[in-house]
Amino acid sequence: MSRTITTVKPGLQTCVQELPGREGFLEQGFPLSGPFDAWSFRQANILVGNDRDTAALECQFMGPTLTFDADMLIAVTGADMSPALDGAPIPMYATVAVSAGQTLTMGFAKTGARAYLAVSGGIATEPVLGSRAVFHQAGVGGHALIAGQTLPVGVSETSALYVLPESARPVIGTDRVWEVEALCGPNDDWLDEATIEMFFSTDWQIQTKSSRTGIRLTGPDFGFSDKALNKSPDHGQDPSNIIDHGYPMGAVNLAGQTPIILVNDAPSTGGFINPFTIASAAFWKLAQAKPNETLRFRRVDRDGAAALRAEIDAKTKPEILENA
């Protein structure tokens, strides 16, 4: 008997993602994609007995309504979208057993911006260029869900029910302010020292024109160093222009006076400077922050960023689960 999920209502750009994303195709213009909040994504998977990088659903701002066509285990993590099974609320960060014919509903995000739904066996769509991760804007790997769409689910023998301890869960606050760890570089020497200090002491507002491609920010103007103001013509006219070069994931890309944090579906090269880079362990905060909320950047070095990464990795292992 086939194991499938049927989409009753798709929600807002609900799509299939998996880790590590679509590797090896940046030079051809295909971004990595993958889940924006990898921490919550991995926790959902380990709760249902999957490998933590197995394909699952990312739900943005408003979740879907789905009917399960077979018995399976599910887990919902990340943003609180009030998940309910046949109208009865279900806990988040816990394994939930569903029976064939039952319907899951997810509403608007009360806290956070993106929720993750994992199912035992994983979403088993056909890989495209080596990955099931969806780059929605270009239709690579598929598109966001549509009503009536059926998703295949892999086979799983697991039946254990677990809960994730509070101490291992991401803390999604309600004050609309996020402290985000960032490193200087690779092009911080194109800014003057006062601007570098300004970046780490300013409250930056997330613009509504933000997405899985880039997080646009509103804040003070940037000042430039002599290197940017007295450069050779091949670097371009604007002080923020530079000869086309590679962009790191999480780069704070300065397009004129508009800083744009380049995230999962962003281009990998271009002609603007990247004076700062967001620590990979802080990406989950960008994923859960909504437009008009505030980002405050905390300066860390590579050792500090690595320590944050190790801390989160330790919270995405099966050993941390508790029996439900």
C-alpha atoms as a PDB file:
ATOM      1  CA  MET A   1       0.000   0.000   0.000  1.00  0.00           C
ATOM      2  CA  SER A   2       1.381   3.406  -0.982  1.00  0.00           C
ATOM      3  CA  ARG A   3       2.067   5.985   1.687  1.00  0.00           C
ATOM      4  CA  THR A   4       1.043   9.490   0.635  1.00  0.00           C
ATOM      5  CA  ILE A   5      -0.038  12.879   1.928  1.00  0.00           C
ATOM      6  CA  THR A   6      -2.725  14.862   0.106  1.00  0.00           C
ATOM      7  CA  THR A   7      -2.711  18.664   0.126  1.00  0.00           C
ATOM      8  CA  VAL A   8      -6.139  20.087   0.992  1.00  0.00           C
ATOM      9  CA  LYS A   9      -4.929  23.678   1.437  1.00  0.00           C
ATOM     10  CA  PRO A  10      -1.325  24.544   0.586  1.00  0.00           C
ATOM     11  CA  GLY A  11      -0.636  27.346   3.050  1.00  0.00           C
ATOM     12  CA  LEU A  12       1.836  30.042   2.002  1.00  0.00           C
ATOM     13  CA  GLN A  13       4.705  28.676  -0.111  1.00  0.00           C
ATOM     14  CA  THR A  14       4.841  25.369   1.766  1.00  0.00           C
ATOM     15  CA  CYS A  15       7.610  23.395   0.090  1.00  0.00           C
ATOM     16  CA  VAL A  16       9.763  20.293   0.363  1.00  0.00           C
ATOM     17  CA  GLN A  17      13.292  20.831   1.677  1.00  0.00           C
ATOM     18  CA  GLU A  18      16.177  18.583   2.651  1.00  0.00           C
ATOM     19  CA  LEU A  19      19.766  18.980   3.809  1.00  0.00           C
ATOM     20  CA  PRO A  20      22.412  19.790   2.748  1.00  0.00           C
ATOM     21  CA  GLY A  21      20.493  21.161  -0.215  1.00  0.00           C
ATOM     22  CA  ARG A  22      21.533  21.153  -3.865  1.00  0.00           C
ATOM     23  CA  GLU A  23      25.319  20.995  -3.670  1.00  0.00           C
ATOM     24  CA  GLY A  24      27.687  21.351  -6.623  1.00  0.00           C
ATOM     25  CA  PHE A  25      25.634  23.621  -8.879  1.00  0.00           C
ATOM     26  CA  LEU A  26      26.386  27.158  -7.640  1.00  0.00           C
ATOM     27  CA  GLU A  27      28.509  27.909 -10.701  1.00  0.00           C
ATOM     28  CA  GLN A  28      25.492  27.081 -12.871  1.00  0.00           C
ATOM     29  CA  GLY A  29      23.248  29.466 -10.974  1.00  0.00           C
ATOM     30  CA  PHE A  30      21.435  26.988  -8.731  1.00  0.00           C
ATOM     31  CA  PRO A  31      21.461  27.956  -5.036  1.00  0.00           C
ATOM     32  CA  LEU A  32      21.784  25.439  -2.224  1.00  0.00           C
ATOM     33  CA  SER A  33      18.191  25.974  -1.022  1.00  0.00           C
ATOM     34  CA  GLY A  34      17.398  23.571   1.853  1.00  0.00           C
ATOM     35  CA  PRO A  35      15.534  24.468   5.072  1.00  0.00           C
ATOM     36  CA  PHE A  36      15.987  28.045   6.266  1.00  0.00           C
ATOM     37  CA  ASP A  37      15.853  26.999   9.932  1.00  0.00           C
ATOM     38  CA  ALA A  38      17.958  23.834   9.855  1.00  0.00           C
ATOM     39  CA  TRP A  39      17.816  23.495  13.650  1.00  0.00           C
ATOM     40  CA  SER A  40      14.019  23.096  13.793  1.00  0.00           C
ATOM     41  CA  PHE A  41      14.043  21.023  10.581  1.00  0.00           C
ATOM     42  CA  ARG A  42      16.477  18.478  12.009  1.00  0.00           C
ATOM     43  CA  GLN A  43      14.626  18.228  15.303  1.00  0.00           C
ATOM     44  CA  ALA A  44      11.395  17.383  13.492  1.00  0.00           C
ATOM     45  CA  ASN A  45      13.153  14.568  11.663  1.00  0.00           C
ATOM     46  CA  ILE A  46      14.787  12.977  14.692  1.00  0.00           C
ATOM     47  CA  LEU A  47      11.423  12.999  16.497  1.00  0.00           C
ATOM     48  CA  VAL A  48       9.940  10.685  13.831  1.00  0.00           C
ATOM     49  CA  GLY A  49      12.950   8.384  13.600  1.00  0.00           C
ATOM     50  CA  ASN A  50      14.383   9.754  10.345  1.00  0.00           C
ATOM     51  CA  ASP A  51      17.933  10.692   9.559  1.00  0.00           C
ATOM     52  CA  ARG A  52      18.038  14.328  10.618  1.00  0.00           C
ATOM     53  CA  ASP A  53      18.602  15.582   7.037  1.00  0.00           C
ATOM     54  CA  THR A  54      15.650  13.719   5.457  1.00  0.00           C
ATOM     55  CA  ALA A  55      13.225  15.630   3.214  1.00  0.00           C
ATOM     56  CA  ALA A  56      10.387  17.336   5.118  1.00  0.00           C
ATOM     57  CA  LEU A  57       8.051  20.308   4.693  1.00  0.00           C
ATOM     58  CA  GLU A  58       8.869  23.946   5.399  1.00  0.00           C
ATOM     59  CA  CYS A  59       5.775  26.065   6.116  1.00  0.00           C
ATOM     60  CA  GLN A  60       6.049  29.842   5.841  1.00  0.00           C
ATOM     61  CA  PHE A  61       3.851  32.284   7.839  1.00  0.00           C
ATOM     62  CA  MET A  62       0.699  30.194   7.281  1.00  0.00           C
ATOM     63  CA  GLY A  63       0.666  26.403   7.346  1.00  0.00           C
ATOM     64  CA  PRO A  64      -1.151  23.896   5.145  1.00  0.00           C
ATOM     65  CA  THR A  65      -4.046  21.498   5.636  1.00  0.00           C
ATOM     66  CA  LEU A  66      -3.001  17.923   4.841  1.00  0.00           C
ATOM     67  CA  THR A  67      -4.706  14.520   4.841  1.00  0.00           C
ATOM     68  CA  PHE A  68      -2.687  11.394   5.577  1.00  0.00           C
ATOM     69  CA  ASP A  69      -3.495   8.424   3.366  1.00  0.00           C
ATOM     70  CA  ALA A  70      -1.673   5.907   5.601  1.00  0.00           C
ATOM     71  CA  ASP A  71      -0.674   5.459   9.237  1.00  0.00           C
ATOM     72  CA  MET A  72       2.544   7.314  10.080  1.00  0.00           C
ATOM     73  CA  LEU A  73       4.306   9.437  12.693  1.00  0.00           C
ATOM     74  CA  ILE A  74       4.593  13.203  12.408  1.00  0.00           C
ATOM     75  CA  ALA A  75       6.324  16.017  14.289  1.00  0.00           C
ATOM     76  CA  VAL A  76       5.922  19.797  14.039  1.00  0.00           C
ATOM     77  CA  THR A  77       8.668  22.197  15.145  1.00  0.00           C
ATOM     78  CA  GLY A  78       9.653  25.835  14.671  1.00  0.00           C
ATOM     79  CA  ALA A  79       6.986  28.541  14.449  1.00  0.00           C
ATOM     80  CA  ASP A  80       3.765  27.952  16.378  1.00  0.00           C
ATOM     81  CA  MET A  81       1.044  27.532  13.733  1.00  0.00           C
ATOM     82  CA  SER A  82      -1.447  25.920  16.143  1.00  0.00           C
ATOM     83  CA  PRO A  83      -1.257  22.413  14.610  1.00  0.00           C
ATOM     84  CA  ALA A  84      -4.380  20.311  15.110  1.00  0.00           C
ATOM     85  CA  LEU A  85      -5.317  16.769  14.099  1.00  0.00           C
ATOM     86  CA  ASP A  86      -8.989  16.389  13.166  1.00  0.00           C
ATOM     87  CA  GLY A  87      -9.605  19.630  15.052  1.00  0.00           C
ATOM     88  CA  ALA A  88      -7.832  18.582  18.264  1.00  0.00           C
ATOM     89  CA  PRO A  89      -4.619  20.501  19.108  1.00  0.00           C
ATOM     90  CA  ILE A  90      -1.410  18.459  19.048  1.00  0.00           C
ATOM     91  CA  PRO A  91       1.834  19.261  20.881  1.00  0.00           C
ATOM     92  CA  MET A  92       4.837  20.683  19.073  1.00  0.00           C
ATOM     93  CA  TYR A  93       8.314  19.193  19.468  1.00  0.00           C
ATOM     94  CA  ALA A  94       6.748  15.779  20.084  1.00  0.00           C
ATOM     95  CA  THR A  95       6.073  12.642  18.048  1.00  0.00           C
ATOM     96  CA  VAL A  96       2.402  12.244  17.125  1.00  0.00           C
ATOM     97  CA  ALA A  97       0.888   9.058  15.649  1.00  0.00           C
ATOM     98  CA  VAL A  98      -1.646   9.667  12.866  1.00  0.00           C
ATOM     99  CA  SER A  99      -4.003   7.183  11.219  1.00  0.00           C
ATOM    100  CA  ALA A 100      -5.037   6.926   7.600  1.00  0.00           C
ATOM    101  CA  GLY A 101      -7.769   9.448   6.826  1.00  0.00           C
ATOM    102  CA  GLN A 102      -6.852  11.962   9.521  1.00  0.00           C
ATOM    103  CA  THR A 103      -6.331  15.629   8.646  1.00  0.00           C
ATOM    104  CA  LEU A 104      -3.721  18.028  10.003  1.00  0.00           C
ATOM    105  CA  THR A 105      -4.464  21.746   9.987  1.00  0.00           C
ATOM    106  CA  MET A 106      -1.916  24.505  10.564  1.00  0.00           C
ATOM    107  CA  GLY A 107      -2.858  28.173  10.782  1.00  0.00           C
ATOM    108  CA  PHE A 108      -1.056  31.514  10.893  1.00  0.00           C
ATOM    109  CA  ALA A 109       2.233  31.687  12.775  1.00  0.00           C
ATOM    110  CA  LYS A 110       1.600  33.074  16.277  1.00  0.00           C
ATOM    111  CA  THR A 111       5.309  33.114  17.101  1.00  0.00           C
ATOM    112  CA  GLY A 112       8.120  32.758  14.618  1.00  0.00           C
ATOM    113  CA  ALA A 113       7.720  32.604  10.846  1.00  0.00           C
ATOM    114  CA  ARG A 114       8.510  29.060   9.654  1.00  0.00           C
ATOM    115  CA  ALA A 115       7.330  25.678  10.915  1.00  0.00           C
ATOM    116  CA  TYR A 116       8.640  22.267   9.913  1.00  0.00           C
ATOM    117  CA  LEU A 117       6.609  19.092   9.447  1.00  0.00           C
ATOM    118  CA  ALA A 118       8.445  15.781   9.296  1.00  0.00           C
ATOM    119  CA  VAL A 119       6.837  12.396   8.626  1.00  0.00           C
ATOM    120  CA  SER A 120       8.263   8.956   9.381  1.00  0.00           C
ATOM    121  CA  GLY A 121       9.961   7.705   6.229  1.00  0.00           C
ATOM    122  CA  GLY A 122      10.432  11.227   4.884  1.00  0.00           C
ATOM    123  CA  ILE A 123       8.977  12.978   1.850  1.00  0.00           C
ATOM    124  CA  ALA A 124       9.949  10.805  -1.135  1.00  0.00           C
ATOM    125  CA  THR A 125       9.667  13.144  -4.123  1.00  0.00           C
ATOM    126  CA  GLU A 126      12.053  12.544  -7.032  1.00  0.00           C
ATOM    127  CA  PRO A 127      15.443  14.244  -6.552  1.00  0.00           C
ATOM    128  CA  VAL A 128      16.388  16.905  -9.087  1.00  0.00           C
ATOM    129  CA  LEU A 129      20.109  17.539  -9.601  1.00  0.00           C
ATOM    130  CA  GLY A 130      20.799  15.339  -6.631  1.00  0.00           C
ATOM    131  CA  SER A 131      18.413  16.898  -4.133  1.00  0.00           C
ATOM    132  CA  ARG A 132      14.748  17.048  -3.131  1.00  0.00           C
ATOM    133  CA  ALA A 133      15.192  20.635  -1.936  1.00  0.00           C
ATOM    134  CA  VAL A 134      12.840  23.028  -3.735  1.00  0.00           C
ATOM    135  CA  PHE A 135      14.021  26.325  -5.236  1.00  0.00           C
ATOM    136  CA  HIS A 136      10.506  27.677  -5.602  1.00  0.00           C
ATOM    137  CA  GLN A 137      11.197  30.827  -7.615  1.00  0.00           C
ATOM    138  CA  ALA A 138      12.770  28.885 -10.484  1.00  0.00           C
ATOM    139  CA  GLY A 139      10.786  25.680 -10.070  1.00  0.00           C
ATOM    140  CA  VAL A 140      13.932  23.619  -9.450  1.00  0.00           C
ATOM    141  CA  GLY A 141      12.996  20.458  -7.580  1.00  0.00           C
ATOM    142  CA  GLY A 142       9.325  21.405  -7.843  1.00  0.00           C
ATOM    143  CA  HIS A 143       7.212  24.318  -6.615  1.00  0.00           C
ATOM    144  CA  ALA A 144       5.358  25.266  -3.470  1.00  0.00           C
ATOM    145  CA  LEU A 145       2.460  22.907  -2.726  1.00  0.00           C
ATOM    146  CA  ILE A 146      -0.870  23.359  -4.495  1.00  0.00           C
ATOM    147  CA  ALA A 147      -4.316  22.116  -3.512  1.00  0.00           C
ATOM    148  CA  GLY A 148      -4.879  18.518  -4.524  1.00  0.00           C
ATOM    149  CA  GLN A 149      -1.182  17.687  -4.789  1.00  0.00           C
ATOM    150  CA  THR A 150      -0.113  14.297  -3.454  1.00  0.00           C
ATOM    151  CA  LEU A 151       3.269  13.759  -1.847  1.00  0.00           C
ATOM    152  CA  PRO A 152       4.832  10.286  -1.639  1.00  0.00           C
ATOM    153  CA  VAL A 153       6.200   9.178   1.744  1.00  0.00           C
ATOM    154  CA  GLY A 154       9.006   6.693   2.313  1.00  0.00           C
ATOM    155  CA  VAL A 155       8.776   3.473   4.276  1.00  0.00           C
ATOM    156  CA  SER A 156       9.495   3.462   8.002  1.00  0.00           C
ATOM    157  CA  GLU A 157       9.298   0.791  10.688  1.00  0.00           C
ATOM    158  CA  THR A 158       9.606   3.177  13.634  1.00  0.00           C
ATOM    159  CA  SER A 159       6.767   3.406  16.171  1.00  0.00           C
ATOM    160  CA  ALA A 160       8.434   5.077  19.170  1.00  0.00           C
ATOM    161  CA  LEU A 161       6.967   8.324  20.506  1.00  0.00           C
ATOM    162  CA  TYR A 162       9.282  11.025  21.805  1.00  0.00           C
ATOM    163  CA  VAL A 163       9.290  14.577  23.098  1.00  0.00           C
ATOM    164  CA  LEU A 164      12.105  17.098  22.775  1.00  0.00           C
ATOM    165  CA  PRO A 165      13.124  18.646  26.115  1.00  0.00           C
ATOM    166  CA  GLU A 166      12.541  22.387  26.470  1.00  0.00           C
ATOM    167  CA  SER A 167      16.275  22.954  26.944  1.00  0.00           C
ATOM    168  CA  ALA A 168      17.006  21.703  23.408  1.00  0.00           C
ATOM    169  CA  ARG A 169      14.408  23.803  21.576  1.00  0.00           C
ATOM    170  CA  PRO A 170      15.046  27.123  19.812  1.00  0.00           C
ATOM    171  CA  VAL A 171      13.722  30.015  21.886  1.00  0.00           C
ATOM    172  CA  ILE A 172      11.340  32.046  19.727  1.00  0.00           C
ATOM    173  CA  GLY A 173      10.574  35.188  21.711  1.00  0.00           C
ATOM    174  CA  THR A 174       7.642  37.564  21.488  1.00  0.00           C
ATOM    175  CA  ASP A 175       9.482  40.895  21.838  1.00  0.00           C
ATOM    176  CA  ARG A 176      10.129  41.116  18.047  1.00  0.00           C
ATOM    177  CA  VAL A 177      13.854  41.726  18.626  1.00  0.00           C
ATOM    178  CA  TRP A 178      16.536  39.212  17.585  1.00  0.00           C
ATOM    179  CA  GLU A 179      20.205  39.151  18.545  1.00  0.00           C
ATOM    180  CA  VAL A 180      22.050  37.701  15.558  1.00  0.00           C
ATOM    181  CA  GLU A 181      25.701  36.671  15.611  1.00  0.00           C
ATOM    182  CA  ALA A 182      27.826  38.001  12.750  1.00  0.00           C
ATOM    183  CA  LEU A 183      31.476  38.067  11.706  1.00  0.00           C
ATOM    184  CA  CYS A 184      33.422  40.798   9.966  1.00  0.00           C
ATOM    185  CA  GLY A 185      34.476  40.040   6.399  1.00  0.00           C
ATOM    186  CA  PRO A 186      35.191  39.289   3.735  1.00  0.00           C
ATOM    187  CA  ASN A 187      35.036  42.940   2.574  1.00  0.00           C
ATOM    188  CA  ASP A 188      34.915  44.835   5.871  1.00  0.00           C
ATOM    189  CA  ASP A 189      38.041  46.793   4.858  1.00  0.00           C
ATOM    190  CA  TRP A 190      35.873  48.632   2.302  1.00  0.00           C
ATOM    191  CA  LEU A 191      34.040  50.356   5.184  1.00  0.00           C
ATOM    192  CA  ASP A 192      35.411  52.953   7.588  1.00  0.00           C
ATOM    193  CA  GLU A 193      35.891  51.991  11.229  1.00  0.00           C
ATOM    194  CA  ALA A 194      32.983  54.127  12.456  1.00  0.00           C
ATOM    195  CA  THR A 195      30.601  52.281  10.118  1.00  0.00           C
ATOM    196  CA  ILE A 196      31.769  48.885  11.343  1.00  0.00           C
ATOM    197  CA  GLU A 197      31.009  49.960  14.909  1.00  0.00           C
ATOM    198  CA  MET A 198      27.679  51.415  13.755  1.00  0.00           C
ATOM    199  CA  PHE A 199      26.643  48.108  12.191  1.00  0.00           C
ATOM    200  CA  PHE A 200      27.010  46.285  15.512  1.00  0.00           C
ATOM    201  CA  SER A 201      25.299  48.985  17.586  1.00  0.00           C
ATOM    202  CA  THR A 202      22.241  49.709  15.410  1.00  0.00           C
ATOM    203  CA  ASP A 203      18.720  48.288  15.466  1.00  0.00           C
ATOM    204  CA  TRP A 204      18.044  47.110  11.903  1.00  0.00           C
ATOM    205  CA  GLN A 205      14.459  46.675  10.721  1.00  0.00           C
ATOM    206  CA  ILE A 206      13.527  43.806   8.400  1.00  0.00           C
ATOM    207  CA  GLN A 207      11.821  45.086   5.261  1.00  0.00           C
ATOM    208  CA  THR A 208       8.677  43.486   3.878  1.00  0.00           C
ATOM    209  CA  LYS A 209      10.627  42.810   0.650  1.00  0.00           C
ATOM    210  CA  SER A 210      12.419  39.878   2.275  1.00  0.00           C
ATOM    211  CA  SER A 211      12.328  36.190   1.414  1.00  0.00           C
ATOM    212  CA  ARG A 212      14.379  32.998   1.213  1.00  0.00           C
ATOM    213  CA  THR A 213      16.552  34.865  -1.306  1.00  0.00           C
ATOM    214  CA  GLY A 214      17.509  37.799   0.888  1.00  0.00           C
ATOM    215  CA  ILE A 215      16.614  39.676   4.074  1.00  0.00           C
ATOM    216  CA  ARG A 216      16.550  43.409   3.288  1.00  0.00           C
ATOM    217  CA  LEU A 217      17.289  45.779   6.162  1.00  0.00           C
ATOM    218  CA  THR A 218      16.515  49.407   6.918  1.00  0.00           C
ATOM    219  CA  GLY A 219      18.957  51.460   8.984  1.00  0.00           C
ATOM    220  CA  PRO A 220      21.623  54.203   8.828  1.00  0.00           C
ATOM    221  CA  ASP A 221      23.790  54.930   5.801  1.00  0.00           C
ATOM    222  CA  PHE A 222      27.187  53.281   5.443  1.00  0.00           C
ATOM    223  CA  GLY A 223      30.513  55.115   5.267  1.00  0.00           C
ATOM    224  CA  PHE A 224      33.374  53.820   3.141  1.00  0.00           C
ATOM    225  CA  SER A 225      37.113  53.535   3.518  1.00  0.00           C
ATOM    226  CA  ASP A 226      39.692  54.979   1.142  1.00  0.00           C
ATOM    227  CA  LYS A 227      39.894  51.555  -0.510  1.00  0.00           C
ATOM    228  CA  ALA A 228      36.289  51.936  -1.703  1.00  0.00           C
ATOM    229  CA  LEU A 229      36.415  55.634  -2.509  1.00  0.00           C
ATOM    230  CA  ASN A 230      39.662  55.606  -4.493  1.00  0.00           C
ATOM    231  CA  LYS A 231      39.527  52.307  -6.367  1.00  0.00           C
ATOM    232  CA  SER A 232      40.339  51.427  -9.946  1.00  0.00           C
ATOM    233  CA  PRO A 233      37.520  51.889 -12.498  1.00  0.00           C
ATOM    234  CA  ASP A 234      37.133  48.141 -13.070  1.00  0.00           C
ATOM    235  CA  HIS A 235      35.543  47.869  -9.597  1.00  0.00           C
ATOM    236  CA  GLY A 236      32.549  49.949 -10.695  1.00  0.00           C
ATOM    237  CA  GLN A 237      31.294  53.447  -9.951  1.00  0.00           C
ATOM    238  CA  ASP A 238      29.490  53.124  -6.598  1.00  0.00           C
ATOM    239  CA  PRO A 239      31.628  52.690  -3.458  1.00  0.00           C
ATOM    240  CA  SER A 240      29.790  49.421  -2.746  1.00  0.00           C
ATOM    241  CA  ASN A 241      30.683  48.006  -6.182  1.00  0.00           C
ATOM    242  CA  ILE A 242      33.510  45.502  -6.554  1.00  0.00           C
ATOM    243  CA  ILE A 243      34.739  43.204  -9.316  1.00  0.00           C
ATOM    244  CA  ASP A 244      32.361  40.239  -9.469  1.00  0.00           C
ATOM    245  CA  HIS A 245      33.315  37.683  -6.846  1.00  0.00           C
ATOM    246  CA  GLY A 246      31.776  34.811  -4.876  1.00  0.00           C
ATOM    247  CA  TYR A 247      29.264  35.506  -2.120  1.00  0.00           C
ATOM    248  CA  PRO A 248      29.396  33.376   1.037  1.00  0.00           C
ATOM    249  CA  MET A 249      26.141  32.005   2.417  1.00  0.00           C
ATOM    250  CA  GLY A 250      24.905  34.516   4.984  1.00  0.00           C
ATOM    251  CA  ALA A 251      26.802  37.437   3.479  1.00  0.00           C
ATOM    252  CA  VAL A 252      25.535  40.912   4.324  1.00  0.00           C
ATOM    253  CA  ASN A 253      25.543  42.162   0.748  1.00  0.00           C
ATOM    254  CA  LEU A 254      25.700  45.951   0.436  1.00  0.00           C
ATOM    255  CA  ALA A 255      23.782  47.094  -2.652  1.00  0.00           C
ATOM    256  CA  GLY A 256      24.356  50.846  -2.611  1.00  0.00           C
ATOM    257  CA  GLN A 257      23.083  51.722   0.872  1.00  0.00           C
ATOM    258  CA  THR A 258      20.761  48.726   1.302  1.00  0.00           C
ATOM    259  CA  PRO A 259      22.169  45.780   3.270  1.00  0.00           C
ATOM    260  CA  ILE A 260      20.703  42.441   2.119  1.00  0.00           C
ATOM    261  CA  ILE A 261      21.487  39.236   4.006  1.00  0.00           C
ATOM    262  CA  LEU A 262      21.937  36.525   1.365  1.00  0.00           C
ATOM    263  CA  VAL A 263      20.274  33.323   2.519  1.00  0.00           C
ATOM    264  CA  ASN A 264      19.273  29.903   1.155  1.00  0.00           C
ATOM    265  CA  ASP A 265      17.997  30.823  -2.320  1.00  0.00           C
ATOM    266  CA  ALA A 266      20.383  33.734  -2.924  1.00  0.00           C
ATOM    267  CA  PRO A 267      22.777  34.213  -5.854  1.00  0.00           C
ATOM    268  CA  SER A 268      26.318  33.008  -5.224  1.00  0.00           C
ATOM    269  CA  THR A 269      28.243  35.722  -7.046  1.00  0.00           C
ATOM    270  CA  GLY A 270      27.966  39.383  -7.996  1.00  0.00           C
ATOM    271  CA  GLY A 271      29.502  42.828  -7.940  1.00  0.00           C
ATOM    272  CA  PHE A 272      28.668  44.201  -4.468  1.00  0.00           C
ATOM    273  CA  ILE A 273      30.786  44.078  -1.339  1.00  0.00           C
ATOM    274  CA  ASN A 274      30.007  41.781   1.593  1.00  0.00           C
ATOM    275  CA  PRO A 275      31.437  43.471   4.692  1.00  0.00           C
ATOM    276  CA  PHE A 276      29.849  41.038   7.185  1.00  0.00           C
ATOM    277  CA  THR A 277      28.716  37.411   7.282  1.00  0.00           C
ATOM    278  CA  ILE A 278      26.053  35.872   9.532  1.00  0.00           C
ATOM    279  CA  ALA A 279      27.214  32.876  11.576  1.00  0.00           C
ATOM    280  CA  SER A 280      25.604  29.683  10.247  1.00  0.00           C
ATOM    281  CA  ALA A 281      24.340  28.857  13.740  1.00  0.00           C
ATOM    282  CA  ALA A 282      22.301  32.092  13.710  1.00  0.00           C
ATOM    283  CA  PHE A 283      20.446  31.327  10.478  1.00  0.00           C
ATOM    284  CA  TRP A 284      17.484  29.908  12.391  1.00  0.00           C
ATOM    285  CA  LYS A 285      16.876  33.371  13.848  1.00  0.00           C
ATOM    286  CA  LEU A 286      16.696  34.918  10.386  1.00  0.00           C
ATOM    287  CA  ALA A 287      14.226  32.196   9.380  1.00  0.00           C
ATOM    288  CA  GLN A 288      11.960  32.879  12.358  1.00  0.00           C
ATOM    289  CA  ALA A 289      12.100  36.683  12.223  1.00  0.00           C
ATOM    290  CA  LYS A 290       9.171  38.411  10.520  1.00  0.00           C
ATOM    291  CA  PRO A 291       9.063  41.613   8.444  1.00  0.00           C
ATOM    292  CA  ASN A 292       9.169  44.803  10.551  1.00  0.00           C
ATOM    293  CA  GLU A 293      10.915  42.992  13.400  1.00  0.00           C
ATOM    294  CA  THR A 294      14.352  44.111  14.596  1.00  0.00           C
ATOM    295  CA  LEU A 295      17.786  42.546  14.191  1.00  0.00           C
ATOM    296  CA  ARG A 296      20.669  43.460  16.513  1.00  0.00           C
ATOM    297  CA  PHE A 297      24.002  42.061  15.421  1.00  0.00           C
ATOM    298  CA  ARG A 298      26.489  40.690  17.943  1.00  0.00           C
ATOM    299  CA  ARG A 299      30.083  40.522  16.787  1.00  0.00           C
ATOM    300  CA  VAL A 300      31.765  37.116  17.038  1.00  0.00           C
ATOM    301  CA  ASP A 301      34.985  35.687  15.626  1.00  0.00           C
ATOM    302  CA  ARG A 302      35.428  32.318  13.907  1.00  0.00           C
ATOM    303  CA  ASP A 303      36.000  30.499  17.174  1.00  0.00           C
ATOM    304  CA  GLY A 304      32.808  31.996  18.603  1.00  0.00           C
ATOM    305  CA  ALA A 305      30.827  31.039  15.496  1.00  0.00           C
ATOM    306  CA  ALA A 306      32.203  27.486  15.638  1.00  0.00           C
ATOM    307  CA  ALA A 307      31.215  27.180  19.303  1.00  0.00           C
ATOM    308  CA  LEU A 308      27.655  28.252  18.463  1.00  0.00           C
ATOM    309  CA  ARG A 309      27.542  25.681  15.650  1.00  0.00           C
ATOM    310  CA  ALA A 310      28.729  22.920  17.989  1.00  0.00           C
ATOM    311  CA  GLU A 311      26.100  23.879  20.580  1.00  0.00           C
ATOM    312  CA  ILE A 312      23.247  23.579  18.083  1.00  0.00           C
ATOM    313  CA  ASP A 313      24.612  20.354  16.591  1.00  0.00           C
ATOM    314  CA  ALA A 314      24.539  18.836  20.071  1.00  0.00           C
ATOM    315  CA  LYS A 315      20.817  19.635  20.264  1.00  0.00           C
ATOM    316  CA  THR A 316      19.950  17.808  17.037  1.00  0.00           C
ATOM    317  CA  LYS A 317      20.881  14.252  18.012  1.00  0.00           C
ATOM    318  CA  PRO A 318      18.559  11.326  18.844  1.00  0.00           C
ATOM    319  CA  GLU A 319      20.209  10.965  22.271  1.00  0.00           C
ATOM    320  CA  ILE A 320      18.525  14.128  23.549  1.00  0.00           C
ATOM    321  CA  LEU A 321      14.975  12.811  23.036  1.00  0.00           C
ATOM    322  CA  GLU A 322      12.796  11.780  25.973  1.00  0.00           C
ATOM    323  CA  ASN A 323      10.125   9.066  25.862  1.00  0.00           C
ATOM    324  CA  ALA A 324       6.669  10.525  25.462  1.00  0.00           C
END
